[in-house]
C-alpha atoms as a PDB file:
ATOM      1  CA  UNK A   1      69.045 152.059  73.387  1.00  0.00           C
ATOM      2  CA  UNK A   2      70.963 154.883  71.782  1.00  0.00           C
ATOM      3  CA  UNK A   3      72.238 155.564  68.277  1.00  0.00           C
ATOM      4  CA  UNK A   4      75.856 154.956  69.340  1.00  0.00           C
ATOM      5  CA  UNK A   5      74.994 151.418  70.268  1.00  0.00           C
ATOM      6  CA  UNK A   6      73.407 150.950  66.854  1.00  0.00           C
ATOM      7  CA  UNK A   7      76.576 152.392  65.223  1.00  0.00           C
ATOM      8  CA  UNK A   8      78.668 149.862  67.119  1.00  0.00           C
ATOM      9  CA  UNK A   9      76.351 147.073  66.014  1.00  0.00           C
ATOM     10  CA  UNK A  10      76.587 148.038  62.402  1.00  0.00           C
ATOM     11  CA  UNK A  11      80.413 148.358  62.644  1.00  0.00           C
ATOM     12  CA  UNK A  12      80.605 144.739  63.809  1.00  0.00           C
ATOM     13  CA  UNK A  13      78.363 143.731  60.785  1.00  0.00           C
ATOM     14  CA  UNK A  14      80.345 145.815  58.283  1.00  0.00           C
ATOM     15  CA  UNK A  15      83.773 144.844  59.536  1.00  0.00           C
ATOM     16  CA  UNK A  16      83.038 141.130  60.018  1.00  0.00           C
ATOM     17  CA  UNK A  17      83.621 140.861  63.726  1.00  0.00           C
ATOM     18  CA  UNK A  18      84.392 142.477  67.093  1.00  0.00           C
ATOM     19  CA  UNK A  19      88.150 142.837  66.683  1.00  0.00           C
ATOM     20  CA  UNK A  20      88.066 144.716  63.376  1.00  0.00           C
ATOM     21  CA  UNK A  21      85.149 146.814  64.479  1.00  0.00           C
ATOM     22  CA  UNK A  22      86.861 147.826  67.709  1.00  0.00           C
ATOM     23  CA  UNK A  23      89.976 148.838  65.686  1.00  0.00           C
ATOM     24  CA  UNK A  24      87.904 150.900  63.282  1.00  0.00           C
ATOM     25  CA  UNK A  25      86.047 152.562  66.157  1.00  0.00           C
ATOM     26  CA  UNK A  26      89.230 153.194  68.152  1.00  0.00           C
ATOM     27  CA  UNK A  27      87.595 151.276  71.097  1.00  0.00           C
ATOM     28  CA  UNK A  28      88.811 148.418  73.246  1.00  0.00           C
ATOM     29  CA  UNK A  29      87.099 145.156  72.461  1.00  0.00           C
ATOM     30  CA  UNK A  30      85.784 144.849  76.065  1.00  0.00           C
ATOM     31  CA  UNK A  31      84.082 148.294  75.698  1.00  0.00           C
ATOM     32  CA  UNK A  32      82.555 147.311  72.435  1.00  0.00           C
ATOM     33  CA  UNK A  33      81.341 144.006  73.798  1.00  0.00           C
ATOM     34  CA  UNK A  34      79.836 145.689  76.861  1.00  0.00           C
ATOM     35  CA  UNK A  35      77.976 148.174  74.643  1.00  0.00           C
ATOM     36  CA  UNK A  36      76.555 145.329  72.433  1.00  0.00           C
ATOM     37  CA  UNK A  37      75.505 143.358  75.529  1.00  0.00           C
ATOM     38  CA  UNK A  38      73.664 146.429  76.764  1.00  0.00           C
ATOM     39  CA  UNK A  39      71.901 146.788  73.380  1.00  0.00           C
ATOM     40  CA  UNK A  40      70.924 143.099  73.539  1.00  0.00           C
ATOM     41  CA  UNK A  41      69.502 143.594  77.093  1.00  0.00           C
ATOM     42  CA  UNK A  42      67.385 146.479  75.775  1.00  0.00           C
ATOM     43  CA  UNK A  43      66.152 144.510  72.868  1.00  0.00           C
ATOM     44  CA  UNK A  44      65.677 141.284  74.876  1.00  0.00           C
ATOM     45  CA  UNK A  45      67.379 139.212  72.289  1.00  0.00           C
ATOM     46  CA  UNK A  46      70.910 138.035  71.346  1.00  0.00           C
ATOM     47  CA  UNK A  47      72.225 139.747  68.149  1.00  0.00           C
ATOM     48  CA  UNK A  48      75.280 137.523  67.600  1.00  0.00           C
ATOM     49  CA  UNK A  49      76.226 133.919  68.056  1.00  0.00           C
ATOM     50  CA  UNK A  50      79.835 134.160  69.458  1.00  0.00           C
ATOM     51  CA  UNK A  51      81.788 131.247  68.087  1.00  0.00           C
ATOM     52  CA  UNK A  52      85.366 131.547  69.245  1.00  0.00           C
ATOM     53  CA  UNK A  53      86.577 134.815  67.758  1.00  0.00           C
ATOM     54  CA  UNK A  54      83.793 134.898  65.247  1.00  0.00           C
ATOM     55  CA  UNK A  55      80.516 136.733  65.481  1.00  0.00           C
ATOM     56  CA  UNK A  56      77.592 135.274  63.468  1.00  0.00           C
ATOM     57  CA  UNK A  57      74.331 137.177  63.255  1.00  0.00           C
ATOM     58  CA  UNK A  58      71.323 135.674  64.812  1.00  0.00           C
ATOM     59  CA  UNK A  59      67.954 135.994  63.133  1.00  0.00           C
ATOM     60  CA  UNK A  60      67.245 138.946  65.384  1.00  0.00           C
ATOM     61  CA  UNK A  61      70.546 140.546  64.474  1.00  0.00           C
ATOM     62  CA  UNK A  62      69.786 140.132  60.754  1.00  0.00           C
ATOM     63  CA  UNK A  63      66.376 141.741  61.306  1.00  0.00           C
ATOM     64  CA  UNK A  64      67.964 144.762  63.104  1.00  0.00           C
ATOM     65  CA  UNK A  65      70.360 145.705  60.257  1.00  0.00           C
ATOM     66  CA  UNK A  66      68.014 147.749  58.072  1.00  0.00           C
ATOM     67  CA  UNK A  67      66.187 149.702  60.815  1.00  0.00           C
ATOM     68  CA  UNK A  68      69.506 150.272  62.485  1.00  0.00           C
ATOM     69  CA  UNK A  69      70.889 151.835  59.278  1.00  0.00           C
ATOM     70  CA  UNK A  70      67.797 153.993  58.893  1.00  0.00           C
ATOM     71  CA  UNK A  71      68.148 155.290  62.454  1.00  0.00           C
ATOM     72  CA  UNK A  72      71.789 156.041  62.102  1.00  0.00           C
ATOM     73  CA  UNK A  73      71.189 157.701  58.707  1.00  0.00           C
ATOM     74  CA  UNK A  74      68.444 159.844  60.178  1.00  0.00           C
ATOM     75  CA  UNK A  75      70.709 161.144  62.897  1.00  0.00           C
ATOM     76  CA  UNK A  76      73.453 161.862  60.227  1.00  0.00           C
ATOM     77  CA  UNK A  77      70.888 163.728  58.191  1.00  0.00           C
ATOM     78  CA  UNK A  78      69.896 165.810  61.197  1.00  0.00           C
ATOM     79  CA  UNK A  79      73.551 166.581  61.927  1.00  0.00           C
ATOM     80  CA  UNK A  80      74.249 167.416  58.309  1.00  0.00           C
ATOM     81  CA  UNK A  81      71.192 169.723  58.164  1.00  0.00           C
ATOM     82  CA  UNK A  82      72.691 171.817  60.931  1.00  0.00           C
ATOM     83  CA  UNK A  83      76.012 171.771  59.189  1.00  0.00           C
ATOM     84  CA  UNK A  84      74.258 173.060  55.992  1.00  0.00           C
ATOM     85  CA  UNK A  85      73.702 176.372  57.790  1.00  0.00           C
ATOM     86  CA  UNK A  86      77.486 176.766  57.574  1.00  0.00           C
ATOM     87  CA  UNK A  87      77.417 176.029  53.817  1.00  0.00           C
ATOM     88  CA  UNK A  88      78.482 172.404  54.007  1.00  0.00           C
ATOM     89  CA  UNK A  89      81.742 173.185  55.768  1.00  0.00           C
ATOM     90  CA  UNK A  90      81.887 169.611  57.124  1.00  0.00           C
ATOM     91  CA  UNK A  91      80.212 166.268  56.738  1.00  0.00           C
ATOM     92  CA  UNK A  92      80.384 162.977  54.818  1.00  0.00           C
ATOM     93  CA  UNK A  93      78.619 161.587  51.780  1.00  0.00           C
ATOM     94  CA  UNK A  94      78.490 157.871  51.008  1.00  0.00           C
ATOM     95  CA  UNK A  95      78.165 156.895  47.328  1.00  0.00           C
ATOM     96  CA  UNK A  96      77.890 153.341  45.956  1.00  0.00           C
ATOM     97  CA  UNK A  97      79.372 152.861  42.488  1.00  0.00           C
ATOM     98  CA  UNK A  98      80.041 150.140  39.998  1.00  0.00           C
ATOM     99  CA  UNK A  99      83.736 149.836  39.091  1.00  0.00           C
ATOM    100  CA  UNK A 100      83.662 151.270  35.600  1.00  0.00           C
ATOM    101  CA  UNK A 101      81.484 154.211  36.594  1.00  0.00           C
ATOM    102  CA  UNK A 102      83.711 154.823  39.644  1.00  0.00           C
ATOM    103  CA  UNK A 103      86.429 155.643  37.050  1.00  0.00           C
ATOM    104  CA  UNK A 104      84.100 157.960  35.060  1.00  0.00           C
ATOM    105  CA  UNK A 105      81.891 159.871  35.502  1.00  0.00           C
ATOM    106  CA  UNK A 106      82.276 159.599  39.244  1.00  0.00           C
ATOM    107  CA  UNK A 107      85.766 161.106  39.192  1.00  0.00           C
ATOM    108  CA  UNK A 108      84.505 164.218  37.411  1.00  0.00           C
ATOM    109  CA  UNK A 109      81.455 164.484  39.692  1.00  0.00           C
ATOM    110  CA  UNK A 110      83.582 164.192  42.881  1.00  0.00           C
ATOM    111  CA  UNK A 111      86.105 166.679  41.678  1.00  0.00           C
ATOM    112  CA  UNK A 112      83.361 169.259  40.890  1.00  0.00           C
ATOM    113  CA  UNK A 113      81.646 168.665  44.272  1.00  0.00           C
ATOM    114  CA  UNK A 114      84.717 168.684  46.485  1.00  0.00           C
ATOM    115  CA  UNK A 115      86.073 171.719  44.636  1.00  0.00           C
ATOM    116  CA  UNK A 116      83.053 173.628  45.898  1.00  0.00           C
ATOM    117  CA  UNK A 117      82.746 171.909  49.302  1.00  0.00           C
ATOM    118  CA  UNK A 118      86.218 170.770  50.338  1.00  0.00           C
ATOM    119  CA  UNK A 119      85.054 170.147  53.937  1.00  0.00           C
ATOM    120  CA  UNK A 120      82.764 167.357  52.906  1.00  0.00           C
ATOM    121  CA  UNK A 121      84.371 163.863  52.690  1.00  0.00           C
ATOM    122  CA  UNK A 122      83.124 161.573  49.961  1.00  0.00           C
ATOM    123  CA  UNK A 123      83.221 157.876  50.833  1.00  0.00           C
ATOM    124  CA  UNK A 124      82.986 155.676  47.697  1.00  0.00           C
ATOM    125  CA  UNK A 125      81.640 152.168  48.364  1.00  0.00           C
ATOM    126  CA  UNK A 126      82.251 149.293  45.965  1.00  0.00           C
ATOM    127  CA  UNK A 127      79.295 147.591  44.297  1.00  0.00           C
ATOM    128  CA  UNK A 128      79.715 145.091  41.412  1.00  0.00           C
ATOM    129  CA  UNK A 129      76.240 145.098  39.775  1.00  0.00           C
ATOM    130  CA  UNK A 130      73.388 147.597  39.376  1.00  0.00           C
ATOM    131  CA  UNK A 131      71.362 145.521  41.838  1.00  0.00           C
ATOM    132  CA  UNK A 132      74.096 145.933  44.415  1.00  0.00           C
ATOM    133  CA  UNK A 133      73.987 149.713  43.957  1.00  0.00           C
ATOM    134  CA  UNK A 134      70.179 149.904  44.211  1.00  0.00           C
ATOM    135  CA  UNK A 135      70.140 147.756  47.332  1.00  0.00           C
ATOM    136  CA  UNK A 136      72.861 149.781  49.053  1.00  0.00           C
ATOM    137  CA  UNK A 137      70.853 153.012  48.420  1.00  0.00           C
ATOM    138  CA  UNK A 138      67.523 151.458  49.348  1.00  0.00           C
ATOM    139  CA  UNK A 139      68.782 150.184  52.711  1.00  0.00           C
ATOM    140  CA  UNK A 140      70.637 153.301  53.605  1.00  0.00           C
ATOM    141  CA  UNK A 141      74.176 151.862  53.310  1.00  0.00           C
ATOM    142  CA  UNK A 142      74.775 154.713  50.829  1.00  0.00           C
ATOM    143  CA  UNK A 143      72.838 157.866  50.023  1.00  0.00           C
ATOM    144  CA  UNK A 144      73.549 157.977  46.351  1.00  0.00           C
ATOM    145  CA  UNK A 145      74.526 155.356  43.821  1.00  0.00           C
ATOM    146  CA  UNK A 146      76.063 155.422  40.326  1.00  0.00           C
ATOM    147  CA  UNK A 147      75.373 152.495  37.979  1.00  0.00           C
ATOM    148  CA  UNK A 148      75.123 151.421  34.406  1.00  0.00           C
ATOM    149  CA  UNK A 149      72.126 149.754  32.892  1.00  0.00           C
ATOM    150  CA  UNK A 150      70.922 148.683  29.455  1.00  0.00           C
ATOM    151  CA  UNK A 151      67.332 149.635  30.190  1.00  0.00           C
ATOM    152  CA  UNK A 152      65.127 151.530  32.575  1.00  0.00           C
ATOM    153  CA  UNK A 153      65.274 150.796  36.248  1.00  0.00           C
ATOM    154  CA  UNK A 154      62.290 148.834  37.527  1.00  0.00           C
ATOM    155  CA  UNK A 155      62.920 149.444  41.261  1.00  0.00           C
ATOM    156  CA  UNK A 156      60.347 151.786  42.680  1.00  0.00           C
ATOM    157  CA  UNK A 157      62.207 152.378  45.978  1.00  0.00           C
ATOM    158  CA  UNK A 158      64.773 154.613  44.493  1.00  0.00           C
ATOM    159  CA  UNK A 159      64.791 157.695  42.185  1.00  0.00           C
ATOM    160  CA  UNK A 160      66.799 157.426  38.964  1.00  0.00           C
ATOM    161  CA  UNK A 161      68.552 160.429  37.360  1.00  0.00           C
ATOM    162  CA  UNK A 162      69.985 160.061  33.881  1.00  0.00           C
ATOM    163  CA  UNK A 163      73.553 161.412  33.635  1.00  0.00           C
ATOM    164  CA  UNK A 164      74.578 160.139  30.234  1.00  0.00           C
ATOM    165  CA  UNK A 165      75.706 156.983  28.463  1.00  0.00           C
ATOM    166  CA  UNK A 166      78.879 155.100  27.766  1.00  0.00           C
ATOM    167  CA  UNK A 167      79.608 153.021  24.653  1.00  0.00           C
ATOM    168  CA  UNK A 168      81.438 149.703  24.558  1.00  0.00           C
ATOM    169  CA  UNK A 169      84.995 149.670  23.323  1.00  0.00           C
ATOM    170  CA  UNK A 170      87.572 146.970  22.678  1.00  0.00           C
ATOM    171  CA  UNK A 171      90.879 146.969  24.610  1.00  0.00           C
ATOM    172  CA  UNK A 172      93.817 145.123  23.011  1.00  0.00           C
ATOM    173  CA  UNK A 173      97.547 144.947  23.534  1.00  0.00           C
ATOM    174  CA  UNK A 174      99.495 147.537  21.504  1.00  0.00           C
ATOM    175  CA  UNK A 175     100.565 144.746  19.139  1.00  0.00           C
ATOM    176  CA  UNK A 176      97.006 143.265  19.002  1.00  0.00           C
ATOM    177  CA  UNK A 177      95.221 141.829  15.990  1.00  0.00           C
ATOM    178  CA  UNK A 178      93.442 145.081  14.890  1.00  0.00           C
ATOM    179  CA  UNK A 179      95.032 148.235  13.471  1.00  0.00           C
ATOM    180  CA  UNK A 180      94.712 151.524  15.442  1.00  0.00           C
ATOM    181  CA  UNK A 181      92.256 154.048  14.302  1.00  0.00           C
ATOM    182  CA  UNK A 182      89.763 151.547  12.707  1.00  0.00           C
ATOM    183  CA  UNK A 183      86.529 150.524  14.427  1.00  0.00           C
ATOM    184  CA  UNK A 184      86.165 146.815  14.933  1.00  0.00           C
ATOM    185  CA  UNK A 185      82.922 145.181  13.768  1.00  0.00           C
ATOM    186  CA  UNK A 186      81.543 142.867  16.445  1.00  0.00           C
ATOM    187  CA  UNK A 187      81.604 139.942  14.006  1.00  0.00           C
ATOM    188  CA  UNK A 188      85.393 140.373  13.999  1.00  0.00           C
ATOM    189  CA  UNK A 189      85.448 139.095  17.625  1.00  0.00           C
ATOM    190  CA  UNK A 190      84.546 135.656  16.462  1.00  0.00           C
ATOM    191  CA  UNK A 191      87.279 133.183  17.418  1.00  0.00           C
ATOM    192  CA  UNK A 192      89.108 135.663  19.655  1.00  0.00           C
ATOM    193  CA  UNK A 193      90.115 135.070  23.289  1.00  0.00           C
ATOM    194  CA  UNK A 194      88.285 137.461  25.589  1.00  0.00           C
ATOM    195  CA  UNK A 195      88.643 138.403  29.203  1.00  0.00           C
ATOM    196  CA  UNK A 196      85.211 138.797  30.710  1.00  0.00           C
ATOM    197  CA  UNK A 197      83.704 140.079  33.974  1.00  0.00           C
ATOM    198  CA  UNK A 198      81.179 138.609  36.283  1.00  0.00           C
ATOM    199  CA  UNK A 199      77.559 137.968  35.417  1.00  0.00           C
ATOM    200  CA  UNK A 200      75.107 140.713  36.274  1.00  0.00           C
ATOM    201  CA  UNK A 201      77.347 143.504  34.753  1.00  0.00           C
ATOM    202  CA  UNK A 202      76.711 145.297  31.439  1.00  0.00           C
ATOM    203  CA  UNK A 203      80.077 144.290  30.046  1.00  0.00           C
ATOM    204  CA  UNK A 204      79.332 140.580  30.639  1.00  0.00           C
ATOM    205  CA  UNK A 205      75.842 140.968  29.191  1.00  0.00           C
ATOM    206  CA  UNK A 206      77.368 142.369  26.039  1.00  0.00           C
ATOM    207  CA  UNK A 207      79.781 139.581  25.358  1.00  0.00           C
ATOM    208  CA  UNK A 208      77.137 136.983  26.320  1.00  0.00           C
ATOM    209  CA  UNK A 209      74.902 138.679  23.740  1.00  0.00           C
ATOM    210  CA  UNK A 210      77.604 138.085  21.099  1.00  0.00           C
ATOM    211  CA  UNK A 211      77.093 134.282  21.463  1.00  0.00           C
ATOM    212  CA  UNK A 212      73.366 134.760  21.144  1.00  0.00           C
ATOM    213  CA  UNK A 213      73.998 136.451  17.722  1.00  0.00           C
ATOM    214  CA  UNK A 214      76.179 133.399  16.705  1.00  0.00           C
ATOM    215  CA  UNK A 215      79.514 135.171  17.304  1.00  0.00           C
ATOM    216  CA  UNK A 216      81.543 132.513  19.080  1.00  0.00           C
ATOM    217  CA  UNK A 217      84.654 133.265  21.101  1.00  0.00           C
ATOM    218  CA  UNK A 218      86.802 131.663  23.828  1.00  0.00           C
ATOM    219  CA  UNK A 219      86.881 132.888  27.381  1.00  0.00           C
ATOM    220  CA  UNK A 220      90.569 133.347  28.187  1.00  0.00           C
ATOM    221  CA  UNK A 221      89.849 134.585  31.789  1.00  0.00           C
ATOM    222  CA  UNK A 222      86.873 135.463  33.902  1.00  0.00           C
ATOM    223  CA  UNK A 223      87.462 137.977  36.761  1.00  0.00           C
ATOM    224  CA  UNK A 224      85.394 139.694  39.352  1.00  0.00           C
ATOM    225  CA  UNK A 225      88.266 142.125  39.955  1.00  0.00           C
ATOM    226  CA  UNK A 226      87.658 144.737  37.306  1.00  0.00           C
ATOM    227  CA  UNK A 227      91.111 146.263  37.949  1.00  0.00           C
ATOM    228  CA  UNK A 228      92.667 142.994  36.699  1.00  0.00           C
ATOM    229  CA  UNK A 229      91.292 143.319  33.186  1.00  0.00           C
ATOM    230  CA  UNK A 230      93.759 145.865  31.817  1.00  0.00           C
ATOM    231  CA  UNK A 231      96.910 143.939  33.199  1.00  0.00           C
ATOM    232  CA  UNK A 232      95.574 140.761  31.750  1.00  0.00           C
ATOM    233  CA  UNK A 233      95.124 142.427  28.298  1.00  0.00           C
ATOM    234  CA  UNK A 234      98.595 144.010  28.416  1.00  0.00           C
ATOM    235  CA  UNK A 235     100.041 140.553  29.344  1.00  0.00           C
ATOM    236  CA  UNK A 236      98.638 139.124  26.198  1.00  0.00           C
ATOM    237  CA  UNK A 237      96.022 136.872  27.844  1.00  0.00           C
ATOM    238  CA  UNK A 238      93.220 138.117  25.676  1.00  0.00           C
ATOM    239  CA  UNK A 239      91.135 141.124  24.557  1.00  0.00           C
ATOM    240  CA  UNK A 240      88.438 142.800  26.630  1.00  0.00           C
ATOM    241  CA  UNK A 241      85.196 144.664  25.969  1.00  0.00           C
ATOM    242  CA  UNK A 242      84.792 147.449  28.445  1.00  0.00           C
ATOM    243  CA  UNK A 243      82.943 150.768  28.700  1.00  0.00           C
ATOM    244  CA  UNK A 244      84.705 153.834  27.383  1.00  0.00           C
ATOM    245  CA  UNK A 245      85.158 155.067  30.867  1.00  0.00           C
ATOM    246  CA  UNK A 246      88.360 153.020  30.871  1.00  0.00           C
ATOM    247  CA  UNK A 247      89.678 154.598  27.578  1.00  0.00           C
ATOM    248  CA  UNK A 248      92.082 157.225  29.044  1.00  0.00           C
ATOM    249  CA  UNK A 249      93.452 154.796  31.725  1.00  0.00           C
ATOM    250  CA  UNK A 250      93.997 152.045  29.162  1.00  0.00           C
ATOM    251  CA  UNK A 251      95.652 154.337  26.624  1.00  0.00           C
ATOM    252  CA  UNK A 252      97.993 155.775  29.281  1.00  0.00           C
ATOM    253  CA  UNK A 253      99.010 152.210  30.210  1.00  0.00           C
ATOM    254  CA  UNK A 254      99.934 151.513  26.603  1.00  0.00           C
ATOM    255  CA  UNK A 255      96.851 149.523  25.447  1.00  0.00           C
ATOM    256  CA  UNK A 256      94.985 150.117  22.168  1.00  0.00           C
ATOM    257  CA  UNK A 257      91.372 151.086  22.561  1.00  0.00           C
ATOM    258  CA  UNK A 258      89.064 150.669  19.528  1.00  0.00           C
ATOM    259  CA  UNK A 259      85.398 151.532  18.990  1.00  0.00           C
ATOM    260  CA  UNK A 260      83.134 148.579  18.278  1.00  0.00           C
ATOM    261  CA  UNK A 261      80.489 148.701  15.584  1.00  0.00           C
ATOM    262  CA  UNK A 262      77.528 148.887  15.569  1.00  0.00           C
ATOM    263  CA  UNK A 263      77.648 151.329  18.510  1.00  0.00           C
ATOM    264  CA  UNK A 264      76.114 149.893  21.716  1.00  0.00           C
ATOM    265  CA  UNK A 265      75.802 151.919  24.850  1.00  0.00           C
ATOM    266  CA  UNK A 266      74.851 151.639  28.526  1.00  0.00           C
ATOM    267  CA  UNK A 267      72.759 154.189  30.281  1.00  0.00           C
ATOM    268  CA  UNK A 268      74.479 155.772  33.244  1.00  0.00           C
ATOM    269  CA  UNK A 269      72.309 156.791  36.142  1.00  0.00           C
ATOM    270  CA  UNK A 270      72.615 158.325  39.638  1.00  0.00           C
ATOM    271  CA  UNK A 271      70.128 156.833  41.994  1.00  0.00           C
ATOM    272  CA  UNK A 272      68.888 158.375  45.287  1.00  0.00           C
ATOM    273  CA  UNK A 273      66.457 157.517  48.086  1.00  0.00           C
ATOM    274  CA  UNK A 274      62.950 158.681  47.971  1.00  0.00           C
ATOM    275  CA  UNK A 275      63.255 159.681  51.603  1.00  0.00           C
ATOM    276  CA  UNK A 276      64.668 163.018  52.747  1.00  0.00           C
ATOM    277  CA  UNK A 277      68.243 163.484  51.668  1.00  0.00           C
ATOM    278  CA  UNK A 278      71.126 165.143  53.552  1.00  0.00           C
ATOM    279  CA  UNK A 279      72.213 168.542  52.281  1.00  0.00           C
ATOM    280  CA  UNK A 280      75.476 166.903  50.933  1.00  0.00           C
ATOM    281  CA  UNK A 281      73.532 164.429  48.954  1.00  0.00           C
ATOM    282  CA  UNK A 282      71.147 167.055  47.474  1.00  0.00           C
ATOM    283  CA  UNK A 283      74.098 169.282  46.585  1.00  0.00           C
ATOM    284  CA  UNK A 284      76.136 166.519  44.992  1.00  0.00           C
ATOM    285  CA  UNK A 285      73.114 165.413  42.976  1.00  0.00           C
ATOM    286  CA  UNK A 286      72.434 168.970  41.832  1.00  0.00           C
ATOM    287  CA  UNK A 287      76.078 169.556  40.792  1.00  0.00           C
ATOM    288  CA  UNK A 288      76.233 166.183  38.945  1.00  0.00           C
ATOM    289  CA  UNK A 289      73.136 166.754  36.928  1.00  0.00           C
ATOM    290  CA  UNK A 290      74.245 170.297  36.032  1.00  0.00           C
ATOM    291  CA  UNK A 291      77.638 168.983  34.842  1.00  0.00           C
ATOM    292  CA  UNK A 292      75.772 166.231  32.918  1.00  0.00           C
ATOM    293  CA  UNK A 293      73.646 168.822  31.094  1.00  0.00           C
ATOM    294  CA  UNK A 294      76.625 170.991  30.228  1.00  0.00           C
ATOM    295  CA  UNK A 295      78.502 167.910  28.820  1.00  0.00           C
ATOM    296  CA  UNK A 296      75.546 166.962  26.586  1.00  0.00           C
ATOM    297  CA  UNK A 297      75.207 170.502  25.372  1.00  0.00           C
ATOM    298  CA  UNK A 298      78.954 170.562  24.468  1.00  0.00           C
ATOM    299  CA  UNK A 299      78.663 167.216  22.640  1.00  0.00           C
ATOM    300  CA  UNK A 300      75.672 168.497  20.647  1.00  0.00           C
ATOM    301  CA  UNK A 301      77.594 171.626  19.695  1.00  0.00           C
ATOM    302  CA  UNK A 302      80.521 169.635  18.246  1.00  0.00           C
END
């Protein structure tokens, strides 16, 4: 068994089959199949059920995913440690992020990091809930994760680093029911048609909490695609409660963004593995925390 075989195995898992994995790896499918068969012989167990063109994980294959990721990540850490001697002139950093936080503060974090280390490629992986982010960091699918949470993280397998907070705001069409420049009391959302995200997100928890407070509203649309929320609002389908990370994008698109009172916020955190991190992950984390401290100091000075 070698690490390359494990990389091939994980490519099949991540890309959903041999064909897509072979294309992503720039390999012929017969070469990929041969490498996987060699790995199966070494392990003494089949890793996939081959059903037509589909590849379905066996129980043994499922059990291999996490240790395979750990092995591949360890090799990447070793390679990156050598590259660190050359001041991070090359390498790659995988970051898992929830959609809203991928807008901000991740954009600012990546800009600061890549400005100092342009040779390091940042790969942003999609995660839709804070649990998704934690699991991706915990299992090694990503080294760092950016998430939003309404309370402290209970997971003991990752380290949490506070990088600020984001308040909830209301996005409406430019000709919406509320005037510009005036905060909207949450009670004023009663009877409105709202566009909501999936359960497990902070934005969905906020609007579900409105009903618990006796503020009834109609769900105009429910979407797992966060990027669909703004177009739906501008099309007049309904209003949306989002985090303020969307403020600039929404206003540039022509929407009206209003504060909601009383002020309610989500805590934004960077999470990292407790195990040894690659130099790129350590440097990114250090830069992000420094920028967060500077931003807080600036806000306090205002």
